[in-house]
Amino acid sequence: MPFGLVPLTPTPRRNCCTPESAKILSLLQEDGRLSMTDLAARVGLSLSSSHRRVRDLEASGVIEGYRALVPPRAVGLTFEALVFVTMARTDLETVAAFEDAAAAEPAIVTAQRLFGEPDYLFRVLARDLTHYQEIYDTRLGALPGVQRLTSTMVMRNFGGDGTVPIP
């Protein structure tokens, strides 16, 4: 699902309730390239049991995928903004068209639909302020159903590496 948009149906937890599966999830969040042999040794399971548990976690959707973490600065994206979006209308058709268009916009790296006002929050990356202004004026403002956009520049990111605490 694009940039973390989560369906309302809860994810089944049956595959992540055992201590071994919780350890697997924690270790793979730290290092998604950990070999199955190393993973099995660190969890204290046989190679086949560890592999089966990882496959089960993947099949059930508890593990959604694996990816490389790329710092935005490393690819020339040195400007970051948080954009608050207020919708003119929130009927199902407008919301669906808006979310589809936002999901297709590569400058939007995360998006959340919120309760109350504003209706949405985007994290947007750009090369610089001029590039961001172009994105804001020509692409974000053209998203279906937008009434108002409000931006704030990010000074600095710290903490929170994106790992999910495993109960």
Protein backbone atom coordinates (compact mmCIF):
# COMPACT_ATOMS: atom_id res chain seq x y z
CA MET A 1 0.00 0.00 0.00
CA PRO A 2 1.49 3.40 -0.87
CA PHE A 3 3.45 5.35 1.77
CA GLY A 4 2.02 3.68 4.76
CA LEU A 5 -1.70 4.05 4.07
CA VAL A 6 -3.19 1.34 6.24
CA PRO A 7 -6.47 -0.47 5.65
CA LEU A 8 -9.01 -0.29 8.47
CA THR A 9 -9.17 -4.07 8.88
CA PRO A 10 -6.80 -5.20 11.64
CA THR A 11 -3.85 -7.38 10.73
CA PRO A 12 -4.10 -10.88 12.19
CA ARG A 13 -1.62 -11.26 15.05
CA ARG A 14 -1.54 -15.06 15.22
CA ASN A 15 1.95 -15.29 13.65
CA CYS A 16 3.60 -12.65 15.80
CA CYS A 17 2.50 -13.73 19.26
CA THR A 18 5.25 -16.21 20.11
CA PRO A 19 8.47 -14.97 21.69
CA GLU A 20 10.47 -16.46 18.81
CA SER A 21 8.41 -14.63 16.16
CA ALA A 22 8.68 -11.38 18.12
CA LYS A 23 12.48 -11.82 18.22
CA ILE A 24 12.52 -12.52 14.46
CA LEU A 25 10.57 -9.31 13.82
CA SER A 26 12.85 -7.25 16.05
CA LEU A 27 16.00 -8.61 14.42
CA LEU A 28 14.72 -8.15 10.87
CA GLN A 29 13.69 -4.56 11.65
CA GLU A 30 17.27 -3.91 12.79
CA ASP A 31 18.80 -5.62 9.75
CA GLY A 32 16.53 -6.80 6.94
CA ARG A 33 19.54 -8.35 5.17
CA LEU A 34 20.34 -10.71 8.05
CA SER A 35 21.00 -14.17 6.63
CA MET A 36 18.55 -16.90 7.55
CA THR A 37 21.43 -18.82 9.18
CA ASP A 38 22.35 -15.85 11.41
CA LEU A 39 18.70 -15.17 12.17
CA ALA A 40 18.09 -18.77 13.22
CA ALA A 41 21.18 -18.76 15.45
CA ARG A 42 20.25 -15.47 17.14
CA VAL A 43 16.65 -16.59 17.76
CA GLY A 44 17.67 -20.09 18.89
CA LEU A 45 15.71 -21.99 16.25
CA SER A 46 16.68 -24.47 13.56
CA LEU A 47 17.27 -23.02 10.10
CA SER A 48 14.13 -24.68 8.71
CA SER A 49 11.93 -23.53 11.60
CA SER A 50 13.24 -19.98 11.34
CA HIS A 51 12.71 -19.92 7.57
CA ARG A 52 9.16 -21.29 7.97
CA ARG A 53 8.31 -18.61 10.56
CA VAL A 54 9.63 -15.81 8.32
CA ARG A 55 7.61 -17.17 5.37
CA ASP A 56 4.51 -17.33 7.60
CA LEU A 57 5.07 -13.74 8.80
CA GLU A 58 5.41 -12.61 5.17
CA ALA A 59 2.36 -14.57 3.98
CA SER A 60 0.15 -13.20 6.78
CA GLY A 61 1.16 -9.61 6.05
CA VAL A 62 2.98 -9.07 9.35
CA ILE A 63 6.14 -8.53 7.25
CA GLU A 64 5.10 -6.41 4.27
CA GLY A 65 8.45 -6.32 2.49
CA TYR A 66 12.10 -5.33 2.60
CA ARG A 67 13.73 -2.16 1.32
CA ALA A 68 16.87 -0.06 1.41
CA LEU A 69 16.87 3.09 3.54
CA VAL A 70 18.08 6.02 1.42
CA PRO A 71 18.83 9.32 3.18
CA PRO A 72 17.11 12.09 1.17
CA ARG A 73 20.29 14.22 1.17
CA ALA A 74 22.20 11.37 -0.52
CA VAL A 75 20.00 11.81 -3.60
CA GLY A 76 19.88 15.61 -3.59
CA LEU A 77 16.60 16.07 -1.71
CA THR A 78 17.64 18.65 0.88
CA PHE A 79 14.29 20.35 1.53
CA GLU A 80 11.50 18.78 3.55
CA ALA A 81 8.06 20.14 4.37
CA LEU A 82 5.04 18.95 6.28
CA VAL A 83 1.91 19.86 4.36
CA PHE A 84 -1.48 20.04 6.03
CA VAL A 85 -4.36 19.53 3.60
CA THR A 86 -7.92 20.71 4.19
CA MET A 87 -10.46 19.26 1.79
CA ALA A 88 -13.32 21.22 0.24
CA ARG A 89 -15.44 18.04 0.22
CA THR A 90 -15.02 14.69 1.91
CA ASP A 91 -17.50 12.52 -0.01
CA LEU A 92 -16.24 9.05 -0.91
CA GLU A 93 -15.66 9.84 -4.59
CA THR A 94 -13.61 12.98 -3.88
CA VAL A 95 -11.60 11.28 -1.14
CA ALA A 96 -10.84 8.30 -3.40
CA ALA A 97 -9.75 10.55 -6.29
CA PHE A 98 -7.62 12.65 -3.93
CA GLU A 99 -5.92 9.64 -2.32
CA ASP A 100 -5.24 8.00 -5.68
CA ALA A 101 -3.68 11.21 -7.03
CA ALA A 102 -1.65 11.76 -3.84
CA ALA A 103 -0.39 8.15 -3.93
CA ALA A 104 0.87 8.75 -7.47
CA GLU A 105 2.81 11.92 -6.50
CA PRO A 106 6.46 10.92 -5.97
CA ALA A 107 7.32 14.01 -3.88
CA ILE A 108 4.88 12.85 -1.18
CA VAL A 109 6.83 10.27 0.80
CA THR A 110 4.31 9.75 3.61
CA ALA A 111 0.64 10.60 3.93
CA GLN A 112 -1.88 10.24 6.69
CA ARG A 113 -5.61 10.88 6.77
CA LEU A 114 -6.46 12.58 10.05
CA PHE A 115 -9.50 12.97 12.28
CA GLY A 116 -10.61 16.58 12.60
CA GLU A 117 -8.86 19.41 10.82
CA PRO A 118 -6.76 19.35 8.79
CA ASP A 119 -7.90 16.32 6.83
CA TYR A 120 -4.46 15.06 5.72
CA LEU A 121 -0.79 15.39 6.56
CA PHE A 122 1.92 14.86 3.93
CA ARG A 123 5.67 14.68 4.25
CA VAL A 124 7.09 16.15 1.03
CA LEU A 125 10.70 16.07 -0.18
CA ALA A 126 12.23 18.44 -2.74
CA ARG A 127 15.65 19.53 -3.97
CA ASP A 128 15.32 23.02 -2.52
CA LEU A 129 12.80 25.74 -1.73
CA THR A 130 12.33 26.67 -5.40
CA HIS A 131 11.64 23.06 -6.32
CA TYR A 132 9.20 22.74 -3.40
CA GLN A 133 7.35 25.88 -4.50
CA GLU A 134 6.93 24.33 -7.97
CA ILE A 135 5.58 21.09 -6.43
CA TYR A 136 3.25 23.05 -4.14
CA ASP A 137 1.91 25.36 -6.86
CA THR A 138 1.55 22.91 -9.73
CA ARG A 139 1.03 19.47 -8.20
CA LEU A 140 -0.18 19.61 -4.61
CA GLY A 141 -2.61 22.44 -5.26
CA ALA A 142 -4.01 20.54 -8.24
CA LEU A 143 -4.95 17.44 -6.23
CA PRO A 144 -8.71 16.76 -6.46
CA GLY A 145 -10.86 18.32 -3.75
CA VAL A 146 -8.19 20.46 -2.07
CA GLN A 147 -9.51 23.58 -0.38
CA ARG A 148 -6.35 24.72 1.42
CA LEU A 149 -2.71 23.71 1.82
CA THR A 150 -0.61 24.85 4.75
CA SER A 151 3.10 24.05 4.91
CA THR A 152 5.78 24.13 7.52
CA MET A 153 9.46 23.51 6.83
CA VAL A 154 11.26 20.77 8.70
CA MET A 155 14.33 22.10 10.50
CA ARG A 156 15.82 18.74 11.46
CA ASN A 157 14.85 15.09 11.81
CA PHE A 158 15.97 13.11 14.85
CA GLY A 159 15.09 9.93 16.70
CA GLY A 160 12.52 7.44 15.57
CA ASP A 161 14.14 5.09 13.08
CA GLY A 162 10.80 3.74 11.90
CA THR A 163 10.94 0.45 13.77
CA VAL A 164 7.71 -0.78 15.31
CA PRO A 165 7.86 -1.83 18.97
CA ILE A 166 7.12 -5.55 19.15
CA PRO A 167 5.01 -6.48 22.20
